[in-house]
Every structure is written in structure tokens, then in C-alpha cells.
């Protein structure tokens, strides 16, 4: 990839950011996308609003190629298919920073995610620069340039955008190719470039809405784990209705039904509208619109539990597993130190908990997806061997 970025000079792009090229018509987007389809790399970013909506509302899409910075106005353009083709073209590397929310926006609104992805935040972690670094710090470290505080809280749906907003948005992509080049050189020298791409691919996969029907959301309510099957079915079906309603109405969860309200409803189990109203967890209009639906979900809970028994809610690791948790964390730190990797990048507590909870009836453990890929060769055997040894120890020894 180093050769690919040779023509991307951050000074030229920095100058272009002072007067970026606006793309506000379908024909203009098609014209520039045809140019980008011939390239090997582009930089991308998005600006959006997400105050009370479930999905982000795109306000601006920024692109940088070797010549200029571009601002695509999604409020003016009706056909984004040419951009979707660019994003899906696997011959073009897409450089973004901290791309998770950008990926969600691209997937929901345009049905595609950038592939292949080069996330500079992920790459910086593999290079040892720091974990979860912001763009300002990365630009300063790589190029000795201060971006300032920026306009992260701006209204990106207003028109016209201010000069400060326009410059801020364009600069967000102006430096990314130069940063990607520096990180690529360092990662190749460390032998971690493929690891970084693997991690970026995992990020693309995790950006999918894995549970669009919301059928597993109730599993997050660990405080409800010892309830009856019918109660869990009511919880499952109520949270699933809330998740589906949020997506349908494009409203954030609190604007439909807060988690605290769900717990209150399940705990009190109202059977008519007056009881539900007395709980004061629904606004009058929401009570009118959704009250009967909520009551019907509770009414059918027993039947739902019999037809489709709910999965049990898994609690956080029991104290009995503290020895295993401590040992596996220690192994992760040891390997991270040996490989000169940031421990947070190599293994996280939730990965360890998933591994410990994966024990089957035969006593075997199964690596979760988050410990597959590049991590597997470094961690798998040592983690699984440690768990086997712990299982074979007397209980008194484990507790000690």
C-alpha cells in the first residue's frame, strides 16, 4: 500500500481543505465517483446528527483523493448509488478514523460498508501509539499539526454550513492518507499490517445489526435472571417490541420506552390501562399509542413462553471463576508484553468472560469470535491449557 499513497501529499490536501469541492448534484457525484473508481485509495469521513433518533442522520460525507478534499451533501443528492459502488469496490482502500459510527451510517442509509477498511485508530493501536486515540492526537503525533478542538457538537443539518464547519470537515480527511502511509510503514516493519486489516474486517462485521428483531436484547437485564419462564418471555417480547418500534419510528430507545420503565412494567405486571397509567412510565400520548400493545404482550407471555421458551439470562462471572479470570488476564498481559502489544488491544475482559462461559457439557471450551483471527495463534493454546489446568485443580486450590 505504501506505493499507493506516494502521490497523497498532506500539504496539498491541507490547502484544498481551505476551499473544498462541494458535490451537491447527482451528476457531480457520478462524475467524481467515476474518477474514484480508478484509484487505489481514498479517505472518508461523515458528519451526522443523532440526538433523539435510532439511526444517525447524514449531514455531510467527506472524501479526499490525491488531488483535493470533497464535501458531498446528502441533503441535496437523491442518488447515492455511485458512492455505494465506490465503497463496495474491493480494489480501493478506504481510510477512515474510528469508523464504527460511519460504518453504521453507510450500512443503514446506503446498504454498504467500506471494503477494504483501513481504520487509523485501529492501526495506531497496533503500532503502539496508543489505544483508542482521537484524531487530534494522531495528527499531532504523526504530522506535528494541531487540529484544535473542532466542531463535534455542530448542527450538520443546517444550511449553509459555516466556514469553520466546512474547514473542520475537510481537514478530517486531509491528513488521513499521510497518517495511513506512516502507519503502514510501521506496521509492515512490525509484521502487523495483516493483523490490522483483520481487525478492521472484524469491525466491518460488527457494524451489522445482528439482532434487528431485538429478540436477544432482554439478555442484558441480568437483574431479572431468576424470574419464571413466562416473566422472561414477557421481558423478551416487550424489549423486542421496543427494539422493532425504535427502528420503525427511527426514535432512540428512551423516546419509546426506557429500560427502567421496562423493569417497572415487568415487576408490576399491569393488566389494564389504568394500572399502566398509574406507573407513570409512559407519556400520555405514548400510553394512548402503545398502552394496549404493551398490555397484550404481557397477556400473551405464558403462551409465548410455551411456544418459544426464552433462553436463560447469563449472569456476570461467579466468584468461583475469579481464579480463571485472573489467570487468563495474566496470560494476556504476559503475551502482550512479549509481543510489545497494548494489552487492551490483545484481549479484553469481556472476551475472557465469553471464553469461560463457553464451557459445554463435555467440559470443553470454545473460542469466541473476538478471540479468533490474528489473536488465535497468539492466545488460543495458552488460554485453553490454563482453563484445563484450573478445571483439574481441587476447588480449595482454585479459591486460594
Protein backbone atom coordinates (compact mmCIF):
# COMPACT_ATOMS: atom_id res chain seq x y z
CA UNK A 1 0.00 0.00 0.00
CA UNK A 2 2.95 2.36 0.51
CA UNK A 3 3.30 2.89 -3.23
CA UNK A 4 -0.41 3.63 -3.41
CA UNK A 5 -0.10 6.64 -1.11
CA UNK A 6 3.03 8.19 -2.62
CA UNK A 7 1.00 10.80 -4.51
CA UNK A 8 -1.07 11.80 -1.46
CA UNK A 9 0.68 14.87 -0.04
CA UNK A 10 -0.98 16.20 3.11
CA UNK A 11 0.21 19.74 2.36
CA UNK A 12 -1.71 19.76 -0.92
CA UNK A 13 -4.81 18.32 0.73
CA UNK A 14 -4.49 20.71 3.65
CA UNK A 15 -4.53 23.59 1.17
CA UNK A 16 -7.51 22.10 -0.65
CA UNK A 17 -9.40 21.91 2.64
CA UNK A 18 -9.44 25.72 2.68
CA UNK A 19 -11.71 25.59 -0.39
CA UNK A 20 -13.03 22.04 -0.71
CA UNK A 21 -15.02 20.93 -3.73
CA UNK A 22 -18.73 20.75 -2.94
CA UNK A 23 -20.74 17.94 -4.54
CA UNK A 24 -24.42 18.86 -4.45
CA UNK A 25 -25.86 17.32 -7.63
CA UNK A 26 -26.36 13.73 -8.73
CA UNK A 27 -24.37 14.32 -11.92
CA UNK A 28 -21.47 15.77 -9.94
CA UNK A 29 -21.40 12.78 -7.62
CA UNK A 30 -21.43 10.40 -10.58
CA UNK A 31 -18.57 12.33 -12.20
CA UNK A 32 -16.29 12.19 -9.18
CA UNK A 33 -17.22 8.64 -8.28
CA UNK A 34 -16.18 7.57 -11.77
CA UNK A 35 -12.78 9.13 -11.02
CA UNK A 36 -12.50 7.50 -7.60
CA UNK A 37 -13.34 4.08 -9.07
CA UNK A 38 -9.96 4.23 -10.86
CA UNK A 39 -7.98 4.93 -7.67
CA UNK A 40 -6.39 2.58 -5.16
CA UNK A 41 -7.17 4.68 -2.07
CA UNK A 42 -9.50 7.38 -0.79
CA UNK A 43 -10.02 8.89 2.66
CA UNK A 44 -13.54 9.11 4.09
CA UNK A 45 -15.42 10.64 6.99
CA UNK A 46 -19.01 11.56 7.82
CA UNK A 47 -20.77 14.18 9.88
CA UNK A 48 -24.21 13.35 11.21
CA UNK A 49 -26.83 14.17 13.80
CA UNK A 50 -28.09 11.65 16.34
CA UNK A 51 -29.90 13.33 19.19
CA UNK A 52 -33.21 11.50 19.50
CA UNK A 53 -33.10 9.14 16.50
CA UNK A 54 -32.21 5.46 16.44
CA UNK A 55 -30.18 5.82 13.26
CA UNK A 56 -27.69 8.60 12.50
CA UNK A 57 -28.93 11.25 10.07
CA UNK A 58 -26.21 12.02 7.50
CA UNK A 59 -25.34 15.69 7.26
CA UNK A 60 -22.10 15.54 5.26
CA UNK A 61 -19.77 12.99 3.67
CA UNK A 62 -16.14 13.96 3.20
CA UNK A 63 -13.74 12.40 0.70
CA UNK A 64 -10.09 13.05 -0.07
CA UNK A 65 -8.19 11.72 -3.07
CA UNK A 66 -4.67 12.60 -4.21
CA UNK A 67 -5.80 15.97 -5.59
CA UNK A 68 -8.44 17.52 -3.36
CA UNK A 69 -10.91 17.36 -0.49
CA UNK A 70 -14.58 16.95 -1.37
CA UNK A 71 -17.77 17.58 0.61
CA UNK A 72 -20.78 15.52 -0.51
CA UNK A 73 -24.11 16.98 0.56
CA UNK A 74 -26.54 14.09 1.26
CA UNK A 75 -29.34 16.59 1.82
CA UNK A 76 -29.16 17.64 -1.83
CA UNK A 77 -28.23 14.43 -3.64
CA UNK A 78 -31.01 11.94 -4.33
CA UNK A 79 -28.99 9.08 -5.84
CA UNK A 80 -26.09 7.86 -3.72
CA UNK A 81 -25.64 4.64 -5.71
CA UNK A 82 -22.37 5.82 -7.35
CA UNK A 83 -20.83 6.36 -3.91
CA UNK A 84 -22.09 2.97 -2.75
CA UNK A 85 -20.26 1.41 -5.71
CA UNK A 86 -17.05 3.12 -4.66
CA UNK A 87 -17.45 1.93 -1.09
CA UNK A 88 -18.03 -1.64 -2.23
CA UNK A 89 -15.11 -1.70 -4.68
CA UNK A 90 -12.56 -4.00 -3.04
CA UNK A 91 -9.75 -2.58 -5.21
CA UNK A 92 -9.99 0.74 -3.35
CA UNK A 93 -8.65 1.06 0.19
CA UNK A 94 -10.86 3.31 2.30
CA UNK A 95 -9.08 5.16 5.08
CA UNK A 96 -11.26 6.31 7.99
CA UNK A 97 -10.68 7.15 11.62
CA UNK A 98 -12.70 5.49 14.42
CA UNK A 99 -15.08 4.24 11.80
CA UNK A 100 -17.75 2.37 13.77
CA UNK A 101 -20.47 5.02 13.54
CA UNK A 102 -19.52 5.85 9.94
CA UNK A 103 -19.96 2.18 9.06
CA UNK A 104 -23.39 2.13 10.69
CA UNK A 105 -24.41 5.20 8.68
CA UNK A 106 -23.17 3.77 5.37
CA UNK A 107 -24.79 0.40 6.01
CA UNK A 108 -28.18 1.74 7.06
CA UNK A 109 -28.59 4.54 4.54
CA UNK A 110 -26.70 3.18 1.54
CA UNK A 111 -26.66 -0.57 2.12
CA UNK A 112 -22.88 -0.97 2.04
CA UNK A 113 -19.77 -0.63 4.20
CA UNK A 114 -16.30 0.46 3.03
CA UNK A 115 -14.30 -2.59 1.98
CA UNK A 116 -11.39 -2.93 2.50
CA UNK A 117 -11.19 -0.64 5.51
CA UNK A 118 -8.09 0.99 6.98
CA UNK A 119 -9.07 2.47 10.35
CA UNK A 120 -6.30 4.77 11.57
CA UNK A 121 -7.40 4.40 15.19
CA UNK A 122 -7.01 0.63 14.99
CA UNK A 123 -3.75 0.93 13.07
CA UNK A 124 -2.36 3.34 15.68
CA UNK A 125 -3.10 0.81 18.41
CA UNK A 126 -1.22 -1.93 16.53
CA UNK A 127 1.69 0.45 16.03
CA UNK A 128 1.82 1.09 19.78
CA UNK A 129 0.88 4.76 19.53
CA UNK A 130 -1.97 4.38 21.98
CA UNK A 131 -5.32 2.69 22.44
CA UNK A 132 -8.49 4.37 21.15
CA UNK A 133 -6.63 7.54 20.14
CA UNK A 134 -8.59 10.51 18.90
CA UNK A 135 -7.86 12.04 15.51
CA UNK A 136 -6.37 15.19 17.05
CA UNK A 137 -3.74 13.22 18.95
CA UNK A 138 -2.92 11.04 15.96
CA UNK A 139 -2.49 14.04 13.64
CA UNK A 140 -0.27 15.73 16.21
CA UNK A 141 1.88 12.62 16.70
CA UNK A 142 2.20 11.77 13.02
CA UNK A 143 2.45 15.23 11.46
CA UNK A 144 3.10 17.63 14.36
CA UNK A 145 -0.05 19.57 13.44
CA UNK A 146 -2.64 20.80 15.94
CA UNK A 147 -6.21 20.47 14.70
CA UNK A 148 -7.80 22.41 17.54
CA UNK A 149 -11.00 21.42 19.33
CA UNK A 150 -13.16 21.29 16.24
CA UNK A 151 -16.95 21.29 15.84
CA UNK A 152 -18.04 17.90 17.09
CA UNK A 153 -21.25 19.37 18.54
CA UNK A 154 -22.19 21.33 15.43
CA UNK A 155 -25.55 21.13 13.70
CA UNK A 156 -24.55 19.37 10.49
CA UNK A 157 -28.07 19.54 9.08
CA UNK A 158 -28.13 23.34 8.94
CA UNK A 159 -27.51 25.07 5.62
CA UNK A 160 -25.39 26.84 4.82
CA UNK A 161 -22.63 25.39 6.95
CA UNK A 162 -20.28 27.94 8.46
CA UNK A 163 -16.76 28.41 7.13
CA UNK A 164 -15.44 26.90 10.36
CA UNK A 165 -17.60 23.79 9.94
CA UNK A 166 -16.54 23.40 6.32
CA UNK A 167 -12.85 23.66 7.14
CA UNK A 168 -13.17 21.30 10.11
CA UNK A 169 -14.95 18.71 8.00
CA UNK A 170 -12.45 18.88 5.13
CA UNK A 171 -9.42 18.69 7.41
CA UNK A 172 -10.84 15.50 8.92
CA UNK A 173 -9.91 13.70 5.69
CA UNK A 174 -6.99 15.84 4.51
CA UNK A 175 -4.45 14.22 6.81
CA UNK A 176 -5.69 10.61 6.75
CA UNK A 177 -3.68 9.38 3.71
CA UNK A 178 -0.38 10.67 5.16
CA UNK A 179 -1.19 9.09 8.52
CA UNK A 180 -2.11 5.83 6.81
CA UNK A 181 1.23 5.83 4.97
CA UNK A 182 3.23 6.34 8.15
CA UNK A 183 1.25 3.68 9.99
CA UNK A 184 1.57 1.26 7.08
CA UNK A 185 5.35 1.62 7.10
CA UNK A 186 5.48 0.98 10.85
CA UNK A 187 3.07 -1.95 10.76
CA UNK A 188 4.93 -3.62 7.90
CA UNK A 189 8.16 -3.27 9.86
CA UNK A 190 6.46 -4.86 12.89
CA UNK A 191 4.80 -7.59 10.82
CA UNK A 192 1.34 -6.46 11.94
CA UNK A 193 -0.20 -4.99 8.81
CA UNK A 194 -2.31 -8.09 8.11
CA UNK A 195 -3.37 -8.19 11.77
CA UNK A 196 -4.63 -4.62 11.43
CA UNK A 197 -6.61 -5.45 8.28
CA UNK A 198 -8.11 -8.48 10.05
CA UNK A 199 -9.19 -6.26 12.94
CA UNK A 200 -10.69 -3.73 10.54
CA UNK A 201 -12.61 -6.51 8.82
CA UNK A 202 -13.96 -7.59 12.21
CA UNK A 203 -15.10 -4.01 12.81
CA UNK A 204 -16.98 -4.06 9.50
CA UNK A 205 -18.69 -7.27 10.52
CA UNK A 206 -19.61 -5.98 13.99
CA UNK A 207 -21.25 -2.89 12.49
CA UNK A 208 -24.13 -5.06 11.29
CA UNK A 209 -27.41 -5.03 13.16
CA UNK A 210 -27.02 -8.61 14.39
CA UNK A 211 -30.37 -8.63 16.19
CA UNK A 212 -32.76 -6.50 14.11
CA UNK A 213 -35.81 -8.06 15.74
CA UNK A 214 -34.44 -7.33 19.20
CA UNK A 215 -35.11 -10.89 20.37
CA UNK A 216 -31.94 -11.07 22.47
CA UNK A 217 -31.97 -7.60 23.97
CA UNK A 218 -33.63 -8.90 27.15
CA UNK A 219 -30.48 -10.89 27.94
CA UNK A 220 -28.90 -7.62 29.08
CA UNK A 221 -31.30 -7.43 32.03
CA UNK A 222 -29.16 -9.55 34.33
CA UNK A 223 -31.15 -8.44 37.38
CA UNK A 224 -34.11 -10.45 36.01
CA UNK A 225 -32.27 -13.75 35.64
CA UNK A 226 -34.14 -15.75 38.29
CA UNK A 227 -37.64 -14.94 37.02
CA UNK A 228 -40.09 -17.53 35.74
CA UNK A 229 -40.18 -18.58 32.10
CA UNK A 230 -43.40 -16.62 31.48
CA UNK A 231 -41.89 -13.50 33.06
CA UNK A 232 -38.76 -13.83 30.93
CA UNK A 233 -40.93 -14.32 27.86
CA UNK A 234 -42.81 -11.12 28.71
CA UNK A 235 -39.50 -9.30 29.16
CA UNK A 236 -38.16 -10.71 25.90
CA UNK A 237 -41.25 -9.83 23.90
CA UNK A 238 -41.56 -6.35 25.42
CA UNK A 239 -37.94 -5.46 24.71
CA UNK A 240 -38.22 -6.95 21.23
CA UNK A 241 -41.30 -4.79 20.54
CA UNK A 242 -39.38 -1.75 21.81
CA UNK A 243 -36.38 -2.51 19.56
CA UNK A 244 -38.55 -3.01 16.48
CA UNK A 245 -40.54 0.13 17.24
CA UNK A 246 -37.36 2.20 17.61
CA UNK A 247 -36.20 1.10 14.18
CA UNK A 248 -39.61 1.60 12.58
CA UNK A 249 -40.12 5.08 14.03
CA UNK A 250 -36.39 5.96 13.97
CA UNK A 251 -36.52 7.01 17.60
CA UNK A 252 -33.93 6.38 20.29
CA UNK A 253 -34.86 3.86 22.97
CA UNK A 254 -35.71 6.39 25.74
CA UNK A 255 -38.20 8.08 23.41
CA UNK A 256 -40.13 4.83 23.04
CA UNK A 257 -39.67 3.05 26.38
CA UNK A 258 -36.78 3.39 28.82
CA UNK A 259 -35.08 0.32 30.25
CA UNK A 260 -36.14 1.44 33.74
CA UNK A 261 -39.74 1.61 32.54
CA UNK A 262 -39.50 -1.92 31.14
CA UNK A 263 -38.29 -3.24 34.52
CA UNK A 264 -41.12 -1.43 36.31
CA UNK A 265 -43.72 -2.83 33.93
CA UNK A 266 -42.40 -6.37 34.30
CA UNK A 267 -42.19 -6.07 38.10
CA UNK A 268 -45.76 -4.76 38.48
CA UNK A 269 -47.34 -6.62 35.52
CA UNK A 270 -50.32 -4.31 34.88
CA UNK A 271 -53.40 -5.87 33.34
CA UNK A 272 -55.34 -2.78 32.25
CA UNK A 273 -54.62 0.75 31.10
CA UNK A 274 -55.38 2.40 34.44
CA UNK A 275 -52.73 0.30 36.17
CA UNK A 276 -50.24 1.01 33.40
CA UNK A 277 -51.02 4.73 33.54
CA UNK A 278 -50.55 4.81 37.33
CA UNK A 279 -46.96 3.60 36.89
CA UNK A 280 -46.15 6.97 35.27
CA UNK A 281 -43.56 5.44 32.96
CA UNK A 282 -45.33 6.42 29.73
CA UNK A 283 -46.22 9.85 28.44
CA UNK A 284 -49.96 10.31 27.80
CA UNK A 285 -49.53 10.13 24.03
CA UNK A 286 -47.36 7.02 24.29
CA UNK A 287 -49.90 5.44 26.63
CA UNK A 288 -52.58 6.11 24.04
CA UNK A 289 -50.49 4.81 21.14
CA UNK A 290 -48.76 1.85 22.76
CA UNK A 291 -50.57 1.01 26.00
CA UNK A 292 -52.80 -1.72 24.60
CA UNK A 293 -49.87 -3.28 22.72
CA UNK A 294 -47.81 -3.45 25.92
CA UNK A 295 -50.67 -4.98 27.88
CA UNK A 296 -51.28 -7.54 25.15
CA UNK A 297 -47.62 -8.58 25.24
CA UNK A 298 -47.95 -9.30 28.96
CA UNK A 299 -51.24 -11.08 28.48
CA UNK A 300 -49.70 -13.47 25.95
CA UNK A 301 -46.46 -14.07 27.88
CA UNK A 302 -47.38 -17.53 29.17
CA UNK A 303 -48.40 -18.70 25.73
CA UNK A 304 -45.24 -17.18 24.26
CA UNK A 305 -43.08 -18.98 26.83
CA UNK A 306 -44.67 -22.33 25.97
CA UNK A 307 -44.38 -21.81 22.23
CA UNK A 308 -40.83 -20.42 22.35
CA UNK A 309 -39.11 -20.92 25.73
CA UNK A 310 -36.81 -17.97 26.49
CA UNK A 311 -33.09 -18.53 26.85
CA UNK A 312 -31.82 -18.06 30.41
CA UNK A 313 -30.16 -14.76 31.22
CA UNK A 314 -26.48 -15.29 31.89
CA UNK A 315 -25.12 -13.57 34.96
CA UNK A 316 -21.67 -11.99 35.20
CA UNK A 317 -18.98 -14.46 36.17
CA UNK A 318 -19.45 -16.05 39.58
CA UNK A 319 -16.77 -15.57 42.20
CA UNK A 320 -15.99 -19.25 41.65
CA UNK A 321 -14.49 -18.22 38.30
CA UNK A 322 -12.31 -15.49 39.75
CA UNK A 323 -9.20 -17.69 39.61
CA UNK A 324 -9.77 -18.43 35.94
CA UNK A 325 -10.46 -14.78 35.15
CA UNK A 326 -7.36 -13.64 36.99
CA UNK A 327 -5.15 -16.28 35.36
CA UNK A 328 -6.35 -15.60 31.83
CA UNK A 329 -5.92 -11.84 32.28
CA UNK A 330 -2.39 -12.51 33.47
CA UNK A 331 -1.66 -14.67 30.43
CA UNK A 332 -2.97 -11.92 28.15
CA UNK A 333 -0.72 -9.34 29.78
CA UNK A 334 2.30 -11.63 29.54
CA UNK A 335 1.75 -12.27 25.84
CA UNK A 336 1.06 -8.58 25.16
CA UNK A 337 4.32 -7.64 26.87
CA UNK A 338 6.25 -10.28 24.96
CA UNK A 339 4.77 -9.15 21.62
CA UNK A 340 5.07 -5.45 22.52
CA UNK A 341 1.32 -5.05 22.05
CA UNK A 342 -1.09 -2.91 24.00
CA UNK A 343 -2.90 -5.28 26.43
CA UNK A 344 -6.25 -3.62 25.69
CA UNK A 345 -5.81 -4.46 22.03
CA UNK A 346 -4.88 -8.10 22.55
CA UNK A 347 -7.60 -9.24 24.95
CA UNK A 348 -10.43 -7.65 26.89
CA UNK A 349 -12.27 -8.77 30.00
CA UNK A 350 -15.45 -9.46 28.05
CA UNK A 351 -13.51 -11.76 25.71
CA UNK A 352 -12.25 -13.74 28.70
CA UNK A 353 -15.74 -13.93 30.20
CA UNK A 354 -17.16 -15.24 26.93
CA UNK A 355 -14.45 -17.90 26.79
CA UNK A 356 -15.06 -19.03 30.38
CA UNK A 357 -18.84 -19.09 29.79
CA UNK A 358 -18.41 -21.16 26.62
CA UNK A 359 -17.84 -24.38 28.58
CA UNK A 360 -20.01 -27.15 27.17
CA UNK A 361 -21.47 -30.29 28.78
CA UNK A 362 -18.33 -32.25 27.95
CA UNK A 363 -16.12 -29.70 29.73
CA UNK A 364 -14.69 -28.21 26.54
CA UNK A 365 -14.23 -24.51 25.86
CA UNK A 366 -14.80 -22.69 22.58
CA UNK A 367 -13.04 -19.53 21.46
CA UNK A 368 -15.50 -16.67 20.86
CA UNK A 369 -15.23 -14.83 17.51
CA UNK A 370 -13.42 -11.98 19.25
CA UNK A 371 -10.51 -14.35 20.03
CA UNK A 372 -10.31 -15.79 16.54
CA UNK A 373 -8.34 -14.33 13.64
CA UNK A 374 -4.88 -12.97 14.39
CA UNK A 375 -5.37 -13.42 18.14
CA UNK A 376 -5.89 -17.16 17.87
CA UNK A 377 -2.27 -18.02 17.10
CA UNK A 378 -1.04 -15.88 19.99
CA UNK A 379 -3.57 -16.81 22.65
CA UNK A 380 -5.66 -19.89 21.97
CA UNK A 381 -3.45 -22.74 23.17
CA UNK A 382 -2.26 -20.96 26.31
CA UNK A 383 -5.73 -19.84 27.35
CA UNK A 384 -7.31 -23.24 26.76
CA UNK A 385 -4.47 -25.06 28.52
CA UNK A 386 -4.81 -22.75 31.52
CA UNK A 387 -8.55 -23.39 31.75
CA UNK A 388 -7.97 -27.14 31.57
CA UNK A 389 -5.44 -26.99 34.42
CA UNK A 390 -7.75 -24.85 36.54
CA UNK A 391 -10.63 -27.28 36.00
CA UNK A 392 -8.43 -30.14 37.16
CA UNK A 393 -7.43 -28.40 40.37
CA UNK A 394 -9.26 -29.07 43.65
CA UNK A 395 -11.86 -26.44 44.50
CA UNK A 396 -9.92 -25.35 47.61
CA UNK A 397 -6.84 -24.64 45.47
CA UNK A 398 -8.85 -22.57 42.98
CA UNK A 399 -10.39 -20.43 45.72
CA UNK A 400 -6.98 -19.85 47.27
